[in-house]
Amino acid sequence: MLFLVVVAVGGLGNFKGSFVAAVAIGLIDTAGKYLVPHVAPYLVFGLVLGVLLWRPHGLMPARHLG
């Protein structure tokens, strides 16, 4: 499930965006499990929702040529 979240947050068709999103989501998920284990699952998806509301096409959307 998280791989779909990574692609959506990073931006469809953008490797750099997906890489940045994967690292960020992984760090947030792991830190959340250690610091606040009872809200960790909601923390990741809440932040993803916030990012997608702020930037609907992802952090680094693909550029269209044409």
PDB file of N, CA and C in Angstrom:
ATOM      1  N   MET A   1       0.821  -1.184   0.000  1.00  0.00           N
ATOM      2  CA  MET A   1       0.000   0.000   0.000  1.00  0.00           C
ATOM      3  C   MET A   1       0.868   1.252   0.000  1.00  0.00           C
ATOM      4  N   LEU A   2       1.957   1.237   0.735  1.00  0.00           N
ATOM      5  CA  LEU A   2       2.791   2.434   0.816  1.00  0.00           C
ATOM      6  C   LEU A   2       3.471   2.777  -0.503  1.00  0.00           C
ATOM      7  N   PHE A   3       3.713   1.788  -1.362  1.00  0.00           N
ATOM      8  CA  PHE A   3       4.352   2.114  -2.640  1.00  0.00           C
ATOM      9  C   PHE A   3       3.442   2.970  -3.509  1.00  0.00           C
ATOM     10  N   LEU A   4       2.143   2.776  -3.437  1.00  0.00           N
ATOM     11  CA  LEU A   4       1.216   3.632  -4.176  1.00  0.00           C
ATOM     12  C   LEU A   4       1.199   5.048  -3.603  1.00  0.00           C
ATOM     13  N   VAL A   5       1.300   5.135  -2.296  1.00  0.00           N
ATOM     14  CA  VAL A   5       1.346   6.430  -1.629  1.00  0.00           C
ATOM     15  C   VAL A   5       2.616   7.173  -2.032  1.00  0.00           C
ATOM     16  N   VAL A   6       3.737   6.458  -2.100  1.00  0.00           N
ATOM     17  CA  VAL A   6       5.016   7.072  -2.479  1.00  0.00           C
ATOM     18  C   VAL A   6       4.933   7.645  -3.883  1.00  0.00           C
ATOM     19  N   VAL A   7       4.374   6.905  -4.816  1.00  0.00           N
ATOM     20  CA  VAL A   7       4.274   7.383  -6.199  1.00  0.00           C
ATOM     21  C   VAL A   7       3.326   8.572  -6.285  1.00  0.00           C
ATOM     22  N   ALA A   8       2.221   8.525  -5.573  1.00  0.00           N
ATOM     23  CA  ALA A   8       1.264   9.638  -5.611  1.00  0.00           C
ATOM     24  C   ALA A   8       1.861  10.901  -5.001  1.00  0.00           C
ATOM     25  N   VAL A   9       2.570  10.764  -3.886  1.00  0.00           N
ATOM     26  CA  VAL A   9       3.153  11.935  -3.229  1.00  0.00           C
ATOM     27  C   VAL A   9       4.346  12.458  -4.022  1.00  0.00           C
ATOM     28  N   GLY A  10       5.148  11.570  -4.572  1.00  0.00           N
ATOM     29  CA  GLY A  10       6.331  11.986  -5.313  1.00  0.00           C
ATOM     30  C   GLY A  10       6.015  12.646  -6.631  1.00  0.00           C
ATOM     31  N   GLY A  11       4.955  12.240  -7.238  1.00  0.00           N
ATOM     32  CA  GLY A  11       4.582  12.766  -8.555  1.00  0.00           C
ATOM     33  C   GLY A  11       4.662  11.647  -9.577  1.00  0.00           C
ATOM     34  N   LEU A  12       3.608  11.451 -10.309  1.00  0.00           N
ATOM     35  CA  LEU A  12       3.566  10.375 -11.300  1.00  0.00           C
ATOM     36  C   LEU A  12       4.594  10.622 -12.396  1.00  0.00           C
ATOM     37  N   GLY A  13       5.390   9.616 -12.706  1.00  0.00           N
ATOM     38  CA  GLY A  13       6.364   9.719 -13.781  1.00  0.00           C
ATOM     39  C   GLY A  13       7.633  10.455 -13.411  1.00  0.00           C
ATOM     40  N   ASN A  14       7.910  10.629 -12.131  1.00  0.00           N
ATOM     41  CA  ASN A  14       9.095  11.348 -11.710  1.00  0.00           C
ATOM     42  C   ASN A  14       9.863  10.510 -10.703  1.00  0.00           C
ATOM     43  N   PHE A  15      11.057  10.043 -11.090  1.00  0.00           N
ATOM     44  CA  PHE A  15      11.851   9.190 -10.223  1.00  0.00           C
ATOM     45  C   PHE A  15      12.385   9.952  -9.011  1.00  0.00           C
ATOM     46  N   LYS A  16      12.855  11.167  -9.216  1.00  0.00           N
ATOM     47  CA  LYS A  16      13.396  11.955  -8.098  1.00  0.00           C
ATOM     48  C   LYS A  16      12.320  12.219  -7.043  1.00  0.00           C
ATOM     49  N   GLY A  17      11.140  12.579  -7.493  1.00  0.00           N
ATOM     50  CA  GLY A  17      10.048  12.840  -6.562  1.00  0.00           C
ATOM     51  C   GLY A  17       9.659  11.602  -5.784  1.00  0.00           C
ATOM     52  N   SER A  18       9.619  10.456  -6.472  1.00  0.00           N
ATOM     53  CA  SER A  18       9.280   9.208  -5.790  1.00  0.00           C
ATOM     54  C   SER A  18      10.356   8.818  -4.783  1.00  0.00           C
ATOM     55  N   PHE A  19      11.617   9.070  -5.128  1.00  0.00           N
ATOM     56  CA  PHE A  19      12.707   8.756  -4.210  1.00  0.00           C
ATOM     57  C   PHE A  19      12.633   9.630  -2.960  1.00  0.00           C
ATOM     58  N   VAL A  20      12.415  10.914  -3.144  1.00  0.00           N
ATOM     59  CA  VAL A  20      12.297  11.837  -2.007  1.00  0.00           C
ATOM     60  C   VAL A  20      11.098  11.453  -1.144  1.00  0.00           C
ATOM     61  N   ALA A  21       9.991  11.134  -1.777  1.00  0.00           N
ATOM     62  CA  ALA A  21       8.792  10.747  -1.037  1.00  0.00           C
ATOM     63  C   ALA A  21       9.010   9.443  -0.278  1.00  0.00           C
ATOM     64  N   ALA A  22       9.714   8.477  -0.882  1.00  0.00           N
ATOM     65  CA  ALA A  22       9.970   7.194  -0.223  1.00  0.00           C
ATOM     66  C   ALA A  22      10.826   7.390   1.027  1.00  0.00           C
ATOM     67  N   VAL A  23      11.857   8.190   0.910  1.00  0.00           N
ATOM     68  CA  VAL A  23      12.722   8.444   2.067  1.00  0.00           C
ATOM     69  C   VAL A  23      11.946   9.176   3.164  1.00  0.00           C
ATOM     70  N   ALA A  24      11.208  10.199   2.782  1.00  0.00           N
ATOM     71  CA  ALA A  24      10.457  10.983   3.769  1.00  0.00           C
ATOM     72  C   ALA A  24       9.386  10.142   4.456  1.00  0.00           C
ATOM     73  N   ILE A  25       8.621   9.382   3.681  1.00  0.00           N
ATOM     74  CA  ILE A  25       7.557   8.566   4.265  1.00  0.00           C
ATOM     75  C   ILE A  25       8.146   7.462   5.133  1.00  0.00           C
ATOM     76  N   GLY A  26       9.249   6.875   4.695  1.00  0.00           N
ATOM     77  CA  GLY A  26       9.911   5.850   5.500  1.00  0.00           C
ATOM     78  C   GLY A  26      10.398   6.390   6.832  1.00  0.00           C
ATOM     79  N   LEU A  27      11.016   7.567   6.807  1.00  0.00           N
ATOM     80  CA  LEU A  27      11.496   8.179   8.049  1.00  0.00           C
ATOM     81  C   LEU A  27      10.345   8.550   8.979  1.00  0.00           C
ATOM     82  N   ILE A  28       9.303   9.122   8.407  1.00  0.00           N
ATOM     83  CA  ILE A  28       8.149   9.515   9.222  1.00  0.00           C
ATOM     84  C   ILE A  28       7.463   8.292   9.810  1.00  0.00           C
ATOM     85  N   ASP A  29       7.327   7.239   9.017  1.00  0.00           N
ATOM     86  CA  ASP A  29       6.682   6.019   9.492  1.00  0.00           C
ATOM     87  C   ASP A  29       7.491   5.371  10.610  1.00  0.00           C
ATOM     88  N   THR A  30       8.792   5.252  10.425  1.00  0.00           N
ATOM     89  CA  THR A  30       9.637   4.624  11.436  1.00  0.00           C
ATOM     90  C   THR A  30       9.704   5.463  12.704  1.00  0.00           C
ATOM     91  N   ALA A  31       9.899   6.772  12.569  1.00  0.00           N
ATOM     92  CA  ALA A  31       9.941   7.637  13.744  1.00  0.00           C
ATOM     93  C   ALA A  31       8.604   7.627  14.479  1.00  0.00           C
ATOM     94  N   GLY A  32       7.524   7.603  13.725  1.00  0.00           N
ATOM     95  CA  GLY A  32       6.202   7.560  14.346  1.00  0.00           C
ATOM     96  C   GLY A  32       5.970   6.289  15.135  1.00  0.00           C
ATOM     97  N   LYS A  33       6.467   5.159  14.644  1.00  0.00           N
ATOM     98  CA  LYS A  33       6.303   3.885  15.356  1.00  0.00           C
ATOM     99  C   LYS A  33       7.061   3.866  16.671  1.00  0.00           C
ATOM    100  N   TYR A  34       8.182   4.577  16.734  1.00  0.00           N
ATOM    101  CA  TYR A  34       8.951   4.625  17.973  1.00  0.00           C
ATOM    102  C   TYR A  34       8.476   5.711  18.926  1.00  0.00           C
ATOM    103  N   LEU A  35       8.110   6.862  18.399  1.00  0.00           N
ATOM    104  CA  LEU A  35       7.765   7.995  19.259  1.00  0.00           C
ATOM    105  C   LEU A  35       6.307   7.989  19.708  1.00  0.00           C
ATOM    106  N   VAL A  36       5.397   7.728  18.785  1.00  0.00           N
ATOM    107  CA  VAL A  36       3.965   7.708  19.104  1.00  0.00           C
ATOM    108  C   VAL A  36       3.316   6.487  18.442  1.00  0.00           C
ATOM    109  N   PRO A  37       3.547   5.301  18.985  1.00  0.00           N
ATOM    110  CA  PRO A  37       3.082   4.081  18.306  1.00  0.00           C
ATOM    111  C   PRO A  37       1.560   3.980  18.146  1.00  0.00           C
ATOM    112  N   HIS A  38       0.809   4.600  19.013  1.00  0.00           N
ATOM    113  CA  HIS A  38      -0.652   4.494  18.921  1.00  0.00           C
ATOM    114  C   HIS A  38      -1.247   5.349  17.810  1.00  0.00           C
ATOM    115  N   VAL A  39      -0.524   6.335  17.299  1.00  0.00           N
ATOM    116  CA  VAL A  39      -1.033   7.167  16.205  1.00  0.00           C
ATOM    117  C   VAL A  39      -0.188   7.078  14.938  1.00  0.00           C
ATOM    118  N   ALA A  40       0.832   6.238  14.918  1.00  0.00           N
ATOM    119  CA  ALA A  40       1.750   6.155  13.776  1.00  0.00           C
ATOM    120  C   ALA A  40       1.043   5.873  12.449  1.00  0.00           C
ATOM    121  N   PRO A  41       0.116   4.914  12.377  1.00  0.00           N
ATOM    122  CA  PRO A  41      -0.539   4.681  11.079  1.00  0.00           C
ATOM    123  C   PRO A  41      -1.327   5.894  10.577  1.00  0.00           C
ATOM    124  N   TYR A  42      -1.924   6.628  11.473  1.00  0.00           N
ATOM    125  CA  TYR A  42      -2.704   7.804  11.087  1.00  0.00           C
ATOM    126  C   TYR A  42      -1.799   8.979  10.739  1.00  0.00           C
ATOM    127  N   LEU A  43      -0.637   9.026  11.361  1.00  0.00           N
ATOM    128  CA  LEU A  43       0.304  10.116  11.124  1.00  0.00           C
ATOM    129  C   LEU A  43       0.772  10.143   9.678  1.00  0.00           C
ATOM    130  N   VAL A  44       1.167   8.993   9.153  1.00  0.00           N
ATOM    131  CA  VAL A  44       1.659   8.929   7.773  1.00  0.00           C
ATOM    132  C   VAL A  44       0.568   9.329   6.795  1.00  0.00           C
ATOM    133  N   PHE A  45      -0.605   8.761   6.941  1.00  0.00           N
ATOM    134  CA  PHE A  45      -1.662   9.039   5.986  1.00  0.00           C
ATOM    135  C   PHE A  45      -2.220  10.458   6.163  1.00  0.00           C
ATOM    136  N   GLY A  46      -2.162  11.005   7.364  1.00  0.00           N
ATOM    137  CA  GLY A  46      -2.550  12.395   7.568  1.00  0.00           C
ATOM    138  C   GLY A  46      -1.595  13.352   6.872  1.00  0.00           C
ATOM    139  N   LEU A  47      -0.304  13.080   6.967  1.00  0.00           N
ATOM    140  CA  LEU A  47       0.680  13.915   6.285  1.00  0.00           C
ATOM    141  C   LEU A  47       0.580  13.775   4.772  1.00  0.00           C
ATOM    142  N   VAL A  48       0.310  12.570   4.301  1.00  0.00           N
ATOM    143  CA  VAL A  48       0.126  12.365   2.861  1.00  0.00           C
ATOM    144  C   VAL A  48      -1.084  13.153   2.369  1.00  0.00           C
ATOM    145  N   LEU A  49      -2.152  13.117   3.120  1.00  0.00           N
ATOM    146  CA  LEU A  49      -3.344  13.888   2.761  1.00  0.00           C
ATOM    147  C   LEU A  49      -3.026  15.374   2.714  1.00  0.00           C
ATOM    148  N   GLY A  50      -2.262  15.859   3.691  1.00  0.00           N
ATOM    149  CA  GLY A  50      -1.874  17.261   3.705  1.00  0.00           C
ATOM    150  C   GLY A  50      -1.028  17.648   2.499  1.00  0.00           C
ATOM    151  N   VAL A  51      -0.059  16.798   2.143  1.00  0.00           N
ATOM    152  CA  VAL A  51       0.795  17.081   0.985  1.00  0.00           C
ATOM    153  C   VAL A  51      -0.036  17.092  -0.293  1.00  0.00           C
ATOM    154  N   LEU A  52      -0.935  16.138  -0.440  1.00  0.00           N
ATOM    155  CA  LEU A  52      -1.730  16.076  -1.670  1.00  0.00           C
ATOM    156  C   LEU A  52      -2.775  17.187  -1.751  1.00  0.00           C
ATOM    157  N   LEU A  53      -3.210  17.706  -0.620  1.00  0.00           N
ATOM    158  CA  LEU A  53      -4.090  18.878  -0.652  1.00  0.00           C
ATOM    159  C   LEU A  53      -3.296  20.130  -1.018  1.00  0.00           C
ATOM    160  N   TRP A  54      -2.042  20.193  -0.552  1.00  0.00           N
ATOM    161  CA  TRP A  54      -1.175  21.337  -0.828  1.00  0.00           C
ATOM    162  C   TRP A  54      -0.671  21.306  -2.259  1.00  0.00           C
ATOM    163  N   ARG A  55      -0.217  20.132  -2.733  1.00  0.00           N
ATOM    164  CA  ARG A  55       0.304  19.973  -4.096  1.00  0.00           C
ATOM    165  C   ARG A  55      -0.378  18.758  -4.732  1.00  0.00           C
ATOM    166  N   PRO A  56      -1.503  18.945  -5.389  1.00  0.00           N
ATOM    167  CA  PRO A  56      -2.299  17.821  -5.912  1.00  0.00           C
ATOM    168  C   PRO A  56      -1.577  16.919  -6.915  1.00  0.00           C
ATOM    169  N   HIS A  57      -0.579  17.430  -7.613  1.00  0.00           N
ATOM    170  CA  HIS A  57       0.130  16.614  -8.600  1.00  0.00           C
ATOM    171  C   HIS A  57       1.395  15.998  -8.040  1.00  0.00           C
ATOM    172  N   GLY A  58       1.599  16.091  -6.737  1.00  0.00           N
ATOM    173  CA  GLY A  58       2.763  15.516  -6.092  1.00  0.00           C
ATOM    174  C   GLY A  58       3.840  16.555  -5.818  1.00  0.00           C
ATOM    175  N   LEU A  59       4.889  16.132  -5.121  1.00  0.00           N
ATOM    176  CA  LEU A  59       5.964  17.051  -4.783  1.00  0.00           C
ATOM    177  C   LEU A  59       6.700  17.552  -6.015  1.00  0.00           C
ATOM    178  N   MET A  60       6.968  16.644  -6.940  1.00  0.00           N
ATOM    179  CA  MET A  60       7.692  17.002  -8.169  1.00  0.00           C
ATOM    180  C   MET A  60       6.942  16.406  -9.362  1.00  0.00           C
ATOM    181  N   PRO A  61       5.912  17.075  -9.846  1.00  0.00           N
ATOM    182  CA  PRO A  61       5.129  16.508 -10.961  1.00  0.00           C
ATOM    183  C   PRO A  61       5.955  16.380 -12.228  1.00  0.00           C
ATOM    184  N   ALA A  62       5.591  15.420 -13.055  1.00  0.00           N
ATOM    185  CA  ALA A  62       6.281  15.204 -14.337  1.00  0.00           C
ATOM    186  C   ALA A  62       6.050  16.397 -15.258  1.00  0.00           C
ATOM    187  N   ARG A  63       7.063  16.729 -16.008  1.00  0.00           N
ATOM    188  CA  ARG A  63       6.946  17.830 -16.971  1.00  0.00           C
ATOM    189  C   ARG A  63       6.411  17.275 -18.281  1.00  0.00           C
ATOM    190  N   HIS A  64       5.506  18.012 -18.858  1.00  0.00           N
ATOM    191  CA  HIS A  64       4.936  17.591 -20.152  1.00  0.00           C
ATOM    192  C   HIS A  64       5.689  18.301 -21.279  1.00  0.00           C
ATOM    193  N   LEU A  65       6.154  17.527 -22.212  1.00  0.00           N
ATOM    194  CA  LEU A  65       6.836  18.090 -23.371  1.00  0.00           C
ATOM    195  C   LEU A  65       5.848  18.260 -24.499  1.00  0.00           C
ATOM    196  N   GLY A  66       5.555  19.468 -24.816  1.00  0.00           N
ATOM    197  CA  GLY A  66       4.657  19.653 -25.933  1.00  0.00           C
ATOM    198  C   GLY A  66       3.634  20.675 -25.751  1.00  0.00           C
TER     199      GLY A  66
END
